[in-house]
PDB file of N, CA and C in Angstrom:
ATOM      1  N   MET A   1      44.931  55.124   2.454  1.00  0.00           N
ATOM      2  CA  MET A   1      44.332  54.073   3.231  1.00  0.00           C
ATOM      3  C   MET A   1      43.862  54.676   4.557  1.00  0.00           C
ATOM      4  N   THR A   2      42.589  54.531   4.842  1.00  0.00           N
ATOM      5  CA  THR A   2      42.021  55.071   6.061  1.00  0.00           C
ATOM      6  C   THR A   2      41.958  53.989   7.129  1.00  0.00           C
ATOM      7  N   ALA A   3      42.410  54.328   8.311  1.00  0.00           N
ATOM      8  CA  ALA A   3      42.392  53.382   9.421  1.00  0.00           C
ATOM      9  C   ALA A   3      41.397  53.862  10.468  1.00  0.00           C
ATOM     10  N   LEU A   4      40.738  52.916  11.107  1.00  0.00           N
ATOM     11  CA  LEU A   4      39.807  53.200  12.182  1.00  0.00           C
ATOM     12  C   LEU A   4      40.525  53.015  13.508  1.00  0.00           C
ATOM     13  N   ARG A   5      40.576  54.069  14.309  1.00  0.00           N
ATOM     14  CA  ARG A   5      41.197  53.974  15.631  1.00  0.00           C
ATOM     15  C   ARG A   5      40.209  53.297  16.579  1.00  0.00           C
ATOM     16  N   ILE A   6      40.694  52.282  17.287  1.00  0.00           N
ATOM     17  CA  ILE A   6      39.866  51.534  18.230  1.00  0.00           C
ATOM     18  C   ILE A   6      40.565  51.538  19.579  1.00  0.00           C
ATOM     19  N   GLU A   7      39.827  51.929  20.602  1.00  0.00           N
ATOM     20  CA  GLU A   7      40.369  51.964  21.956  1.00  0.00           C
ATOM     21  C   GLU A   7      39.662  50.940  22.825  1.00  0.00           C
ATOM     22  N   THR A   8      40.302  50.578  23.930  1.00  0.00           N
ATOM     23  CA  THR A   8      39.629  49.728  24.890  1.00  0.00           C
ATOM     24  C   THR A   8      38.445  50.505  25.465  1.00  0.00           C
ATOM     25  N   GLY A   9      37.429  49.774  25.883  1.00  0.00           N
ATOM     26  CA  GLY A   9      36.253  50.426  26.440  1.00  0.00           C
ATOM     27  C   GLY A   9      35.253  50.879  25.399  1.00  0.00           C
ATOM     28  N   THR A  10      35.429  50.445  24.154  1.00  0.00           N
ATOM     29  CA  THR A  10      34.492  50.773  23.080  1.00  0.00           C
ATOM     30  C   THR A  10      33.868  49.489  22.561  1.00  0.00           C
ATOM     31  N   PRO A  11      32.702  49.566  21.926  1.00  0.00           N
ATOM     32  CA  PRO A  11      32.096  48.359  21.353  1.00  0.00           C
ATOM     33  C   PRO A  11      33.014  47.666  20.343  1.00  0.00           C
ATOM     34  N   GLU A  12      33.742  48.456  19.552  1.00  0.00           N
ATOM     35  CA  GLU A  12      34.662  47.871  18.562  1.00  0.00           C
ATOM     36  C   GLU A  12      35.800  47.125  19.253  1.00  0.00           C
ATOM     37  N   GLY A  13      36.340  47.708  20.313  1.00  0.00           N
ATOM     38  CA  GLY A  13      37.398  47.047  21.069  1.00  0.00           C
ATOM     39  C   GLY A  13      36.902  45.768  21.709  1.00  0.00           C
ATOM     40  N   ASP A  14      35.721  45.829  22.319  1.00  0.00           N
ATOM     41  CA  ASP A  14      35.143  44.645  22.953  1.00  0.00           C
ATOM     42  C   ASP A  14      34.928  43.525  21.936  1.00  0.00           C
ATOM     43  N   ALA A  15      34.467  43.874  20.732  1.00  0.00           N
ATOM     44  CA  ALA A  15      34.226  42.870  19.689  1.00  0.00           C
ATOM     45  C   ALA A  15      35.507  42.157  19.278  1.00  0.00           C
ATOM     46  N   LEU A  16      36.644  42.828  19.437  1.00  0.00           N
ATOM     47  CA  LEU A  16      37.937  42.228  19.092  1.00  0.00           C
ATOM     48  C   LEU A  16      38.592  41.517  20.277  1.00  0.00           C
ATOM     49  N   GLY A  17      37.929  41.526  21.439  1.00  0.00           N
ATOM     50  CA  GLY A  17      38.530  40.960  22.641  1.00  0.00           C
ATOM     51  C   GLY A  17      39.475  41.914  23.337  1.00  0.00           C
ATOM     52  N   PHE A  18      39.509  43.141  22.891  1.00  0.00           N
ATOM     53  CA  PHE A  18      40.384  44.197  23.400  1.00  0.00           C
ATOM     54  C   PHE A  18      39.599  44.990  24.441  1.00  0.00           C
ATOM     55  N   SER A  19      39.204  44.291  25.500  1.00  0.00           N
ATOM     56  CA  SER A  19      38.255  44.846  26.464  1.00  0.00           C
ATOM     57  C   SER A  19      38.942  45.634  27.578  1.00  0.00           C
ATOM     58  N   GLU A  20      38.220  46.587  28.106  1.00  0.00           N
ATOM     59  CA  GLU A  20      38.759  47.488  29.119  1.00  0.00           C
ATOM     60  C   GLU A  20      39.043  46.783  30.440  1.00  0.00           C
ATOM     61  N   ASP A  21      38.348  45.686  30.728  1.00  0.00           N
ATOM     62  CA  ASP A  21      38.615  44.976  31.981  1.00  0.00           C
ATOM     63  C   ASP A  21      39.950  44.238  31.947  1.00  0.00           C
ATOM     64  N   LEU A  22      40.472  43.965  30.735  1.00  0.00           N
ATOM     65  CA  LEU A  22      41.755  43.263  30.607  1.00  0.00           C
ATOM     66  C   LEU A  22      42.904  44.153  30.156  1.00  0.00           C
ATOM     67  N   PHE A  23      42.585  45.191  29.353  1.00  0.00           N
ATOM     68  CA  PHE A  23      43.638  45.985  28.729  1.00  0.00           C
ATOM     69  C   PHE A  23      43.335  47.478  28.756  1.00  0.00           C
ATOM     70  N   SER A  24      44.387  48.247  28.571  1.00  0.00           N
ATOM     71  CA  SER A  24      44.282  49.666  28.283  1.00  0.00           C
ATOM     72  C   SER A  24      45.124  49.883  27.036  1.00  0.00           C
ATOM     73  N   GLY A  25      44.612  50.643  26.083  1.00  0.00           N
ATOM     74  CA  GLY A  25      45.416  50.890  24.894  1.00  0.00           C
ATOM     75  C   GLY A  25      44.587  51.265  23.690  1.00  0.00           C
ATOM     76  N   TRP A  26      45.252  51.237  22.524  1.00  0.00           N
ATOM     77  CA  TRP A  26      44.567  51.534  21.273  1.00  0.00           C
ATOM     78  C   TRP A  26      45.249  50.844  20.104  1.00  0.00           C
ATOM     79  N   LEU A  27      44.461  50.629  19.065  1.00  0.00           N
ATOM     80  CA  LEU A  27      44.951  50.005  17.837  1.00  0.00           C
ATOM     81  C   LEU A  27      44.237  50.642  16.666  1.00  0.00           C
ATOM     82  N   GLU A  28      44.680  50.283  15.475  1.00  0.00           N
ATOM     83  CA  GLU A  28      44.020  50.727  14.252  1.00  0.00           C
ATOM     84  C   GLU A  28      43.614  49.511  13.450  1.00  0.00           C
ATOM     85  N   MET A  29      42.428  49.592  12.857  1.00  0.00           N
ATOM     86  CA  MET A  29      41.972  48.550  11.949  1.00  0.00           C
ATOM     87  C   MET A  29      41.940  49.147  10.548  1.00  0.00           C
ATOM     88  N   GLU A  30      42.560  48.426   9.621  1.00  0.00           N
ATOM     89  CA  GLU A  30      42.602  48.866   8.235  1.00  0.00           C
ATOM     90  C   GLU A  30      41.952  47.810   7.356  1.00  0.00           C
ATOM     91  N   ALA A  31      41.798  48.127   6.098  1.00  0.00           N
ATOM     92  CA  ALA A  31      41.227  47.189   5.134  1.00  0.00           C
ATOM     93  C   ALA A  31      42.053  45.909   5.095  1.00  0.00           C
ATOM     94  N   GLY A  32      41.428  44.833   4.701  1.00  0.00           N
ATOM     95  CA  GLY A  32      42.132  43.570   4.570  1.00  0.00           C
ATOM     96  C   GLY A  32      42.379  42.890   5.902  1.00  0.00           C
ATOM     97  N   ASN A  33      41.515  43.143   6.891  1.00  0.00           N
ATOM     98  CA  ASN A  33      41.675  42.516   8.213  1.00  0.00           C
ATOM     99  C   ASN A  33      43.012  42.839   8.863  1.00  0.00           C
ATOM    100  N   ARG A  34      43.518  44.028   8.642  1.00  0.00           N
ATOM    101  CA  ARG A  34      44.810  44.429   9.204  1.00  0.00           C
ATOM    102  C   ARG A  34      44.606  45.172  10.518  1.00  0.00           C
ATOM    103  N   LEU A  35      45.240  44.660  11.576  1.00  0.00           N
ATOM    104  CA  LEU A  35      45.216  45.303  12.887  1.00  0.00           C
ATOM    105  C   LEU A  35      46.624  45.780  13.219  1.00  0.00           C
ATOM    106  N   THR A  36      46.750  47.036  13.588  1.00  0.00           N
ATOM    107  CA  THR A  36      48.031  47.588  14.013  1.00  0.00           C
ATOM    108  C   THR A  36      47.883  48.019  15.463  1.00  0.00           C
ATOM    109  N   LEU A  37      48.551  47.293  16.344  1.00  0.00           N
ATOM    110  CA  LEU A  37      48.492  47.581  17.776  1.00  0.00           C
ATOM    111  C   LEU A  37      49.549  48.627  18.102  1.00  0.00           C
ATOM    112  N   HIS A  38      49.097  49.789  18.543  1.00  0.00           N
ATOM    113  CA  HIS A  38      50.015  50.884  18.860  1.00  0.00           C
ATOM    114  C   HIS A  38      50.407  50.907  20.327  1.00  0.00           C
ATOM    115  N   TYR A  39      49.468  50.528  21.200  1.00  0.00           N
ATOM    116  CA  TYR A  39      49.741  50.652  22.626  1.00  0.00           C
ATOM    117  C   TYR A  39      48.845  49.689  23.386  1.00  0.00           C
ATOM    118  N   ILE A  40      49.443  48.942  24.327  1.00  0.00           N
ATOM    119  CA  ILE A  40      48.658  48.031  25.143  1.00  0.00           C
ATOM    120  C   ILE A  40      49.312  47.887  26.513  1.00  0.00           C
ATOM    121  N   ILE A  41      48.479  47.912  27.522  1.00  0.00           N
ATOM    122  CA  ILE A  41      48.904  47.590  28.883  1.00  0.00           C
ATOM    123  C   ILE A  41      47.932  46.535  29.390  1.00  0.00           C
ATOM    124  N   SER A  42      48.455  45.447  29.899  1.00  0.00           N
ATOM    125  CA  SER A  42      47.611  44.421  30.497  1.00  0.00           C
ATOM    126  C   SER A  42      47.260  44.848  31.915  1.00  0.00           C
ATOM    127  N   ARG A  43      45.993  44.816  32.238  1.00  0.00           N
ATOM    128  CA  ARG A  43      45.548  45.193  33.583  1.00  0.00           C
ATOM    129  C   ARG A  43      45.806  44.067  34.598  1.00  0.00           C
ATOM    130  N   HIS A  44      46.064  42.854  34.102  1.00  0.00           N
ATOM    131  CA  HIS A  44      46.319  41.699  34.965  1.00  0.00           C
ATOM    132  C   HIS A  44      47.610  41.046  34.496  1.00  0.00           C
ATOM    133  N   ARG A  45      48.698  41.581  34.940  1.00  0.00           N
ATOM    134  CA  ARG A  45      50.022  41.162  34.500  1.00  0.00           C
ATOM    135  C   ARG A  45      50.300  39.694  34.807  1.00  0.00           C
ATOM    136  N   ASP A  46      51.028  39.053  33.909  1.00  0.00           N
ATOM    137  CA  ASP A  46      51.486  37.670  34.057  1.00  0.00           C
ATOM    138  C   ASP A  46      50.358  36.638  34.084  1.00  0.00           C
ATOM    139  N   GLU A  47      49.206  36.962  33.486  1.00  0.00           N
ATOM    140  CA  GLU A  47      48.113  35.994  33.409  1.00  0.00           C
ATOM    141  C   GLU A  47      47.910  35.462  31.995  1.00  0.00           C
ATOM    142  N   GLY A  48      48.727  35.916  31.046  1.00  0.00           N
ATOM    143  CA  GLY A  48      48.646  35.405  29.682  1.00  0.00           C
ATOM    144  C   GLY A  48      47.591  36.051  28.806  1.00  0.00           C
ATOM    145  N   ASN A  49      47.001  37.136  29.265  1.00  0.00           N
ATOM    146  CA  ASN A  49      45.927  37.767  28.501  1.00  0.00           C
ATOM    147  C   ASN A  49      46.400  38.369  27.178  1.00  0.00           C
ATOM    148  N   THR A  50      47.565  38.989  27.195  1.00  0.00           N
ATOM    149  CA  THR A  50      48.066  39.601  25.959  1.00  0.00           C
ATOM    150  C   THR A  50      48.398  38.532  24.931  1.00  0.00           C
ATOM    151  N   GLN A  51      49.050  37.475  25.350  1.00  0.00           N
ATOM    152  CA  GLN A  51      49.369  36.381  24.434  1.00  0.00           C
ATOM    153  C   GLN A  51      48.086  35.749  23.888  1.00  0.00           C
ATOM    154  N   ALA A  52      47.088  35.568  24.735  1.00  0.00           N
ATOM    155  CA  ALA A  52      45.814  35.003  24.294  1.00  0.00           C
ATOM    156  C   ALA A  52      45.122  35.923  23.285  1.00  0.00           C
ATOM    157  N   LEU A  53      45.227  37.232  23.497  1.00  0.00           N
ATOM    158  CA  LEU A  53      44.625  38.192  22.572  1.00  0.00           C
ATOM    159  C   LEU A  53      45.289  38.106  21.199  1.00  0.00           C
ATOM    160  N   ILE A  54      46.611  38.110  21.176  1.00  0.00           N
ATOM    161  CA  ILE A  54      47.335  38.000  19.894  1.00  0.00           C
ATOM    162  C   ILE A  54      46.978  36.686  19.205  1.00  0.00           C
ATOM    163  N   ARG A  55      46.967  35.590  19.946  1.00  0.00           N
ATOM    164  CA  ARG A  55      46.609  34.279  19.383  1.00  0.00           C
ATOM    165  C   ARG A  55      45.192  34.320  18.801  1.00  0.00           C
ATOM    166  N   HIS A  56      44.264  34.920  19.536  1.00  0.00           N
ATOM    167  CA  HIS A  56      42.877  35.029  19.071  1.00  0.00           C
ATOM    168  C   HIS A  56      42.813  35.781  17.741  1.00  0.00           C
ATOM    169  N   TRP A  57      43.491  36.917  17.672  1.00  0.00           N
ATOM    170  CA  TRP A  57      43.481  37.688  16.424  1.00  0.00           C
ATOM    171  C   TRP A  57      44.061  36.887  15.268  1.00  0.00           C
ATOM    172  N   LEU A  58      45.168  36.189  15.496  1.00  0.00           N
ATOM    173  CA  LEU A  58      45.774  35.388  14.436  1.00  0.00           C
ATOM    174  C   LEU A  58      44.847  34.256  14.019  1.00  0.00           C
ATOM    175  N   ASP A  59      44.227  33.595  14.991  1.00  0.00           N
ATOM    176  CA  ASP A  59      43.293  32.508  14.688  1.00  0.00           C
ATOM    177  C   ASP A  59      42.090  33.001  13.899  1.00  0.00           C
ATOM    178  N   GLU A  60      41.694  34.252  14.132  1.00  0.00           N
ATOM    179  CA  GLU A  60      40.563  34.837  13.410  1.00  0.00           C
ATOM    180  C   GLU A  60      40.954  35.346  12.019  1.00  0.00           C
ATOM    181  N   GLY A  61      42.238  35.235  11.668  1.00  0.00           N
ATOM    182  CA  GLY A  61      42.691  35.617  10.332  1.00  0.00           C
ATOM    183  C   GLY A  61      43.136  37.056  10.185  1.00  0.00           C
ATOM    184  N   TYR A  62      43.343  37.750  11.290  1.00  0.00           N
ATOM    185  CA  TYR A  62      43.809  39.125  11.203  1.00  0.00           C
ATOM    186  C   TYR A  62      45.298  39.178  10.875  1.00  0.00           C
ATOM    187  N   ASP A  63      45.674  40.174  10.095  1.00  0.00           N
ATOM    188  CA  ASP A  63      47.066  40.482   9.789  1.00  0.00           C
ATOM    189  C   ASP A  63      47.503  41.474  10.870  1.00  0.00           C
ATOM    190  N   VAL A  64      48.216  40.979  11.874  1.00  0.00           N
ATOM    191  CA  VAL A  64      48.546  41.758  13.061  1.00  0.00           C
ATOM    192  C   VAL A  64      49.951  42.326  12.975  1.00  0.00           C
ATOM    193  N   SER A  65      50.091  43.586  13.322  1.00  0.00           N
ATOM    194  CA  SER A  65      51.415  44.175  13.486  1.00  0.00           C
ATOM    195  C   SER A  65      51.408  44.978  14.789  1.00  0.00           C
ATOM    196  N   VAL A  66      52.589  45.122  15.382  1.00  0.00           N
ATOM    197  CA  VAL A  66      52.712  45.800  16.672  1.00  0.00           C
ATOM    198  C   VAL A  66      53.809  46.854  16.556  1.00  0.00           C
ATOM    199  N   VAL A  67      53.458  48.075  16.911  1.00  0.00           N
ATOM    200  CA  VAL A  67      54.379  49.198  16.809  1.00  0.00           C
ATOM    201  C   VAL A  67      55.212  49.300  18.083  1.00  0.00           C
ATOM    202  N   MET A  68      56.498  49.356  17.909  1.00  0.00           N
ATOM    203  CA  MET A  68      57.474  49.560  18.989  1.00  0.00           C
ATOM    204  C   MET A  68      57.164  48.741  20.250  1.00  0.00           C
ATOM    205  N   PRO A  69      57.108  47.417  20.121  1.00  0.00           N
ATOM    206  CA  PRO A  69      56.777  46.601  21.298  1.00  0.00           C
ATOM    207  C   PRO A  69      57.880  46.615  22.345  1.00  0.00           C
ATOM    208  N   ARG A  70      57.471  46.556  23.591  1.00  0.00           N
ATOM    209  CA  ARG A  70      58.420  46.476  24.706  1.00  0.00           C
ATOM    210  C   ARG A  70      58.986  45.060  24.753  1.00  0.00           C
ATOM    211  N   PRO A  71      60.062  44.838  25.498  1.00  0.00           N
ATOM    212  CA  PRO A  71      60.705  43.518  25.524  1.00  0.00           C
ATOM    213  C   PRO A  71      59.780  42.352  25.868  1.00  0.00           C
ATOM    214  N   VAL A  72      58.860  42.525  26.809  1.00  0.00           N
ATOM    215  CA  VAL A  72      57.938  41.438  27.146  1.00  0.00           C
ATOM    216  C   VAL A  72      57.058  41.096  25.953  1.00  0.00           C
ATOM    217  N   MET A  73      56.572  42.112  25.247  1.00  0.00           N
ATOM    218  CA  MET A  73      55.752  41.887  24.059  1.00  0.00           C
ATOM    219  C   MET A  73      56.588  41.270  22.946  1.00  0.00           C
ATOM    220  N   GLN A  74      57.834  41.673  22.803  1.00  0.00           N
ATOM    221  CA  GLN A  74      58.701  41.075  21.789  1.00  0.00           C
ATOM    222  C   GLN A  74      58.843  39.579  22.016  1.00  0.00           C
ATOM    223  N   HIS A  75      58.943  39.177  23.262  1.00  0.00           N
ATOM    224  CA  HIS A  75      59.033  37.754  23.604  1.00  0.00           C
ATOM    225  C   HIS A  75      57.780  37.010  23.134  1.00  0.00           C
ATOM    226  N   ILE A  76      56.616  37.587  23.379  1.00  0.00           N
ATOM    227  CA  ILE A  76      55.356  36.986  22.933  1.00  0.00           C
ATOM    228  C   ILE A  76      55.318  36.904  21.409  1.00  0.00           C
ATOM    229  N   LEU A  77      55.697  37.988  20.748  1.00  0.00           N
ATOM    230  CA  LEU A  77      55.631  38.041  19.288  1.00  0.00           C
ATOM    231  C   LEU A  77      56.570  37.024  18.642  1.00  0.00           C
ATOM    232  N   ARG A  78      57.739  36.837  19.214  1.00  0.00           N
ATOM    233  CA  ARG A  78      58.672  35.831  18.679  1.00  0.00           C
ATOM    234  C   ARG A  78      58.046  34.442  18.692  1.00  0.00           C
ATOM    235  N   LYS A  79      57.274  34.139  19.724  1.00  0.00           N
ATOM    236  CA  LYS A  79      56.607  32.827  19.813  1.00  0.00           C
ATOM    237  C   LYS A  79      55.689  32.579  18.623  1.00  0.00           C
ATOM    238  N   PHE A  80      55.129  33.645  18.082  1.00  0.00           N
ATOM    239  CA  PHE A  80      54.212  33.538  16.951  1.00  0.00           C
ATOM    240  C   PHE A  80      54.893  33.767  15.602  1.00  0.00           C
ATOM    241  N   GLY A  81      56.203  33.891  15.602  1.00  0.00           N
ATOM    242  CA  GLY A  81      56.936  34.033  14.343  1.00  0.00           C
ATOM    243  C   GLY A  81      56.970  35.435  13.767  1.00  0.00           C
ATOM    244  N   PHE A  82      56.748  36.436  14.587  1.00  0.00           N
ATOM    245  CA  PHE A  82      56.815  37.815  14.114  1.00  0.00           C
ATOM    246  C   PHE A  82      58.268  38.212  13.866  1.00  0.00           C
ATOM    247  N   VAL A  83      58.466  39.129  12.935  1.00  0.00           N
ATOM    248  CA  VAL A  83      59.783  39.667  12.612  1.00  0.00           C
ATOM    249  C   VAL A  83      59.688  41.193  12.612  1.00  0.00           C
ATOM    250  N   THR A  84      60.852  41.831  12.621  1.00  0.00           N
ATOM    251  CA  THR A  84      60.862  43.294  12.662  1.00  0.00           C
ATOM    252  C   THR A  84      60.941  43.908  11.277  1.00  0.00           C
ATOM    253  N   SER A  85      60.422  45.091  11.204  1.00  0.00           N
ATOM    254  CA  SER A  85      60.478  45.919  10.012  1.00  0.00           C
ATOM    255  C   SER A  85      60.402  47.369  10.492  1.00  0.00           C
ATOM    256  N   HIS A  86      60.290  48.269   9.567  1.00  0.00           N
ATOM    257  CA  HIS A  86      60.109  49.678   9.903  1.00  0.00           C
ATOM    258  C   HIS A  86      59.032  50.251   9.000  1.00  0.00           C
ATOM    259  N   ARG A  87      58.304  51.214   9.537  1.00  0.00           N
ATOM    260  CA  ARG A  87      57.176  51.769   8.792  1.00  0.00           C
ATOM    261  C   ARG A  87      56.963  53.217   9.220  1.00  0.00           C
ATOM    262  N   TYR A  88      56.402  53.988   8.308  1.00  0.00           N
ATOM    263  CA  TYR A  88      56.032  55.372   8.602  1.00  0.00           C
ATOM    264  C   TYR A  88      54.580  55.421   9.077  1.00  0.00           C
ATOM    265  N   PHE A  89      54.336  56.193  10.110  1.00  0.00           N
ATOM    266  CA  PHE A  89      52.994  56.545  10.580  1.00  0.00           C
ATOM    267  C   PHE A  89      53.008  58.058  10.773  1.00  0.00           C
ATOM    268  N   PRO A  90      52.915  58.810   9.687  1.00  0.00           N
ATOM    269  CA  PRO A  90      53.113  60.258   9.780  1.00  0.00           C
ATOM    270  C   PRO A  90      52.147  60.978  10.714  1.00  0.00           C
ATOM    271  N   ASP A  91      50.969  60.416  10.958  1.00  0.00           N
ATOM    272  CA  ASP A  91      50.009  61.072  11.846  1.00  0.00           C
ATOM    273  C   ASP A  91      50.259  60.769  13.326  1.00  0.00           C
ATOM    274  N   GLN A  92      51.092  59.758  13.620  1.00  0.00           N
ATOM    275  CA  GLN A  92      51.328  59.384  15.009  1.00  0.00           C
ATOM    276  C   GLN A  92      52.762  59.567  15.487  1.00  0.00           C
ATOM    277  N   TYR A  93      53.737  59.303  14.604  1.00  0.00           N
ATOM    278  CA  TYR A  93      55.137  59.283  15.034  1.00  0.00           C
ATOM    279  C   TYR A  93      55.998  60.043  14.037  1.00  0.00           C
ATOM    280  N   GLU A  94      57.114  60.542  14.529  1.00  0.00           N
ATOM    281  CA  GLU A  94      58.053  61.239  13.664  1.00  0.00           C
ATOM    282  C   GLU A  94      59.060  60.237  13.114  1.00  0.00           C
ATOM    283  N   GLY A  95      59.188  60.159  11.816  1.00  0.00           N
ATOM    284  CA  GLY A  95      60.144  59.261  11.191  1.00  0.00           C
ATOM    285  C   GLY A  95      59.703  57.808  11.190  1.00  0.00           C
ATOM    286  N   LEU A  96      60.627  56.957  10.783  1.00  0.00           N
ATOM    287  CA  LEU A  96      60.372  55.509  10.754  1.00  0.00           C
ATOM    288  C   LEU A  96      60.307  54.964  12.174  1.00  0.00           C
ATOM    289  N   VAL A  97      59.413  54.011  12.403  1.00  0.00           N
ATOM    290  CA  VAL A  97      59.339  53.343  13.698  1.00  0.00           C
ATOM    291  C   VAL A  97      59.417  51.840  13.486  1.00  0.00           C
ATOM    292  N   GLU A  98      59.884  51.155  14.522  1.00  0.00           N
ATOM    293  CA  GLU A  98      59.967  49.701  14.472  1.00  0.00           C
ATOM    294  C   GLU A  98      58.568  49.104  14.551  1.00  0.00           C
ATOM    295  N   VAL A  99      58.302  48.158  13.664  1.00  0.00           N
ATOM    296  CA  VAL A  99      57.026  47.454  13.631  1.00  0.00           C
ATOM    297  C   VAL A  99      57.313  45.971  13.514  1.00  0.00           C
ATOM    298  N   TRP A 100      56.660  45.183  14.355  1.00  0.00           N
ATOM    299  CA  TRP A 100      56.774  43.735  14.278  1.00  0.00           C
ATOM    300  C   TRP A 100      55.544  43.204  13.566  1.00  0.00           C
ATOM    301  N   TYR A 101      55.738  42.275  12.642  1.00  0.00           N
ATOM    302  CA  TYR A 101      54.634  41.691  11.891  1.00  0.00           C
ATOM    303  C   TYR A 101      54.926  40.220  11.655  1.00  0.00           C
ATOM    304  N   ARG A 102      53.899  39.496  11.282  1.00  0.00           N
ATOM    305  CA  ARG A 102      54.030  38.062  11.018  1.00  0.00           C
ATOM    306  C   ARG A 102      53.982  37.846   9.510  1.00  0.00           C
ATOM    307  N   PRO A 103      55.064  37.336   8.945  1.00  0.00           N
ATOM    308  CA  PRO A 103      55.046  37.066   7.502  1.00  0.00           C
ATOM    309  C   PRO A 103      53.948  36.064   7.162  1.00  0.00           C
ATOM    310  N   CYS A 104      53.466  36.138   5.956  1.00  0.00           N
ATOM    311  CA  CYS A 104      52.415  35.211   5.516  1.00  0.00           C
ATOM    312  C   CYS A 104      52.944  33.787   5.552  1.00  0.00           C
ATOM    313  N   VAL A 105      52.302  32.963   6.335  1.00  0.00           N
ATOM    314  CA  VAL A 105      52.724  31.567   6.398  1.00  0.00           C
ATOM    315  C   VAL A 105      51.630  30.631   5.916  1.00  0.00           C
ATOM    316  N   GLN A 106      50.384  31.067   5.945  1.00  0.00           N
ATOM    317  CA  GLN A 106      49.288  30.208   5.525  1.00  0.00           C
ATOM    318  C   GLN A 106      48.744  30.584   4.158  1.00  0.00           C
ATOM    319  N   ARG A 107      48.936  31.820   3.739  1.00  0.00           N
ATOM    320  CA  ARG A 107      48.382  32.280   2.473  1.00  0.00           C
ATOM    321  C   ARG A 107      49.502  32.858   1.618  1.00  0.00           C
ATOM    322  N   PRO A 108      50.234  32.024   0.869  1.00  0.00           N
ATOM    323  CA  PRO A 108      51.358  32.527   0.078  1.00  0.00           C
ATOM    324  C   PRO A 108      50.978  33.653  -0.881  1.00  0.00           C
ATOM    325  N   ALA A 109      49.734  33.689  -1.326  1.00  0.00           N
ATOM    326  CA  ALA A 109      49.324  34.728  -2.267  1.00  0.00           C
ATOM    327  C   ALA A 109      49.364  36.113  -1.636  1.00  0.00           C
ATOM    328  N   CYS A 110      49.379  36.192  -0.305  1.00  0.00           N
ATOM    329  CA  CYS A 110      49.349  37.508   0.330  1.00  0.00           C
ATOM    330  C   CYS A 110      50.745  38.103   0.472  1.00  0.00           C
ATOM    331  N   VAL A 111      51.798  37.380   0.130  1.00  0.00           N
ATOM    332  CA  VAL A 111      53.156  37.891   0.305  1.00  0.00           C
ATOM    333  C   VAL A 111      53.348  39.197  -0.452  1.00  0.00           C
ATOM    334  N   HIS A 112      52.970  39.232  -1.732  1.00  0.00           N
ATOM    335  CA  HIS A 112      53.136  40.454  -2.515  1.00  0.00           C
ATOM    336  C   HIS A 112      52.315  41.591  -1.922  1.00  0.00           C
ATOM    337  N   GLU A 113      51.067  41.306  -1.552  1.00  0.00           N
ATOM    338  CA  GLU A 113      50.185  42.317  -0.974  1.00  0.00           C
ATOM    339  C   GLU A 113      50.763  42.866   0.325  1.00  0.00           C
ATOM    340  N   GLN A 114      51.261  41.982   1.185  1.00  0.00           N
ATOM    341  CA  GLN A 114      51.801  42.425   2.459  1.00  0.00           C
ATOM    342  C   GLN A 114      53.092  43.228   2.254  1.00  0.00           C
ATOM    343  N   TRP A 115      53.958  42.765   1.406  1.00  0.00           N
ATOM    344  CA  TRP A 115      55.201  43.484   1.148  1.00  0.00           C
ATOM    345  C   TRP A 115      54.911  44.887   0.630  1.00  0.00           C
ATOM    346  N   ALA A 116      53.960  45.012  -0.287  1.00  0.00           N
ATOM    347  CA  ALA A 116      53.621  46.324  -0.830  1.00  0.00           C
ATOM    348  C   ALA A 116      53.093  47.243   0.269  1.00  0.00           C
ATOM    349  N   ALA A 117      52.295  46.711   1.153  1.00  0.00           N
ATOM    350  CA  ALA A 117      51.741  47.520   2.243  1.00  0.00           C
ATOM    351  C   ALA A 117      52.844  47.995   3.190  1.00  0.00           C
ATOM    352  N   TYR A 118      53.758  47.115   3.563  1.00  0.00           N
ATOM    353  CA  TYR A 118      54.806  47.491   4.502  1.00  0.00           C
ATOM    354  C   TYR A 118      55.867  48.371   3.850  1.00  0.00           C
ATOM    355  N   ALA A 119      56.029  48.219   2.560  1.00  0.00           N
ATOM    356  CA  ALA A 119      57.000  49.058   1.853  1.00  0.00           C
ATOM    357  C   ALA A 119      56.408  50.430   1.508  1.00  0.00           C
ATOM    358  N   GLY A 120      55.102  50.583   1.751  1.00  0.00           N
ATOM    359  CA  GLY A 120      54.462  51.863   1.479  1.00  0.00           C
ATOM    360  C   GLY A 120      54.069  52.063   0.034  1.00  0.00           C
ATOM    361  N   THR A 121      54.034  50.968  -0.746  1.00  0.00           N
ATOM    362  CA  THR A 121      53.666  51.090  -2.144  1.00  0.00           C
ATOM    363  C   THR A 121      52.288  50.515  -2.424  1.00  0.00           C
ATOM    364  N   GLY A 122      51.652  49.963  -1.393  1.00  0.00           N
ATOM    365  CA  GLY A 122      50.338  49.319  -1.593  1.00  0.00           C
ATOM    366  C   GLY A 122      49.201  50.160  -1.134  1.00  0.00           C
TER     367      GLY A 122
END
């Protein structure tokens, strides 16, 4: 599975609302509308921009996961029903890393697909 790395300050990042004026960071986009957020810093702390970004992605139908979120991000993710798991990213990290994701709640048919992807069998 090939992922496209997207950084803030790029046309792809801007199209996702991941704009350089609000954030610094990078994510990966994979097939099936899957976004994996690896790193994010809000340039305007405590204004709700990160929560609004996550909400926007979910509303747009993206399958969002966040790698090793800090406590403030964990608080935001809990509000949206995210849970923890672990996943390998051999090109970025050594060993298993903590990943937060949102279980399928609107599309029950995606449960098998999502489980296979997170288990590394899909």
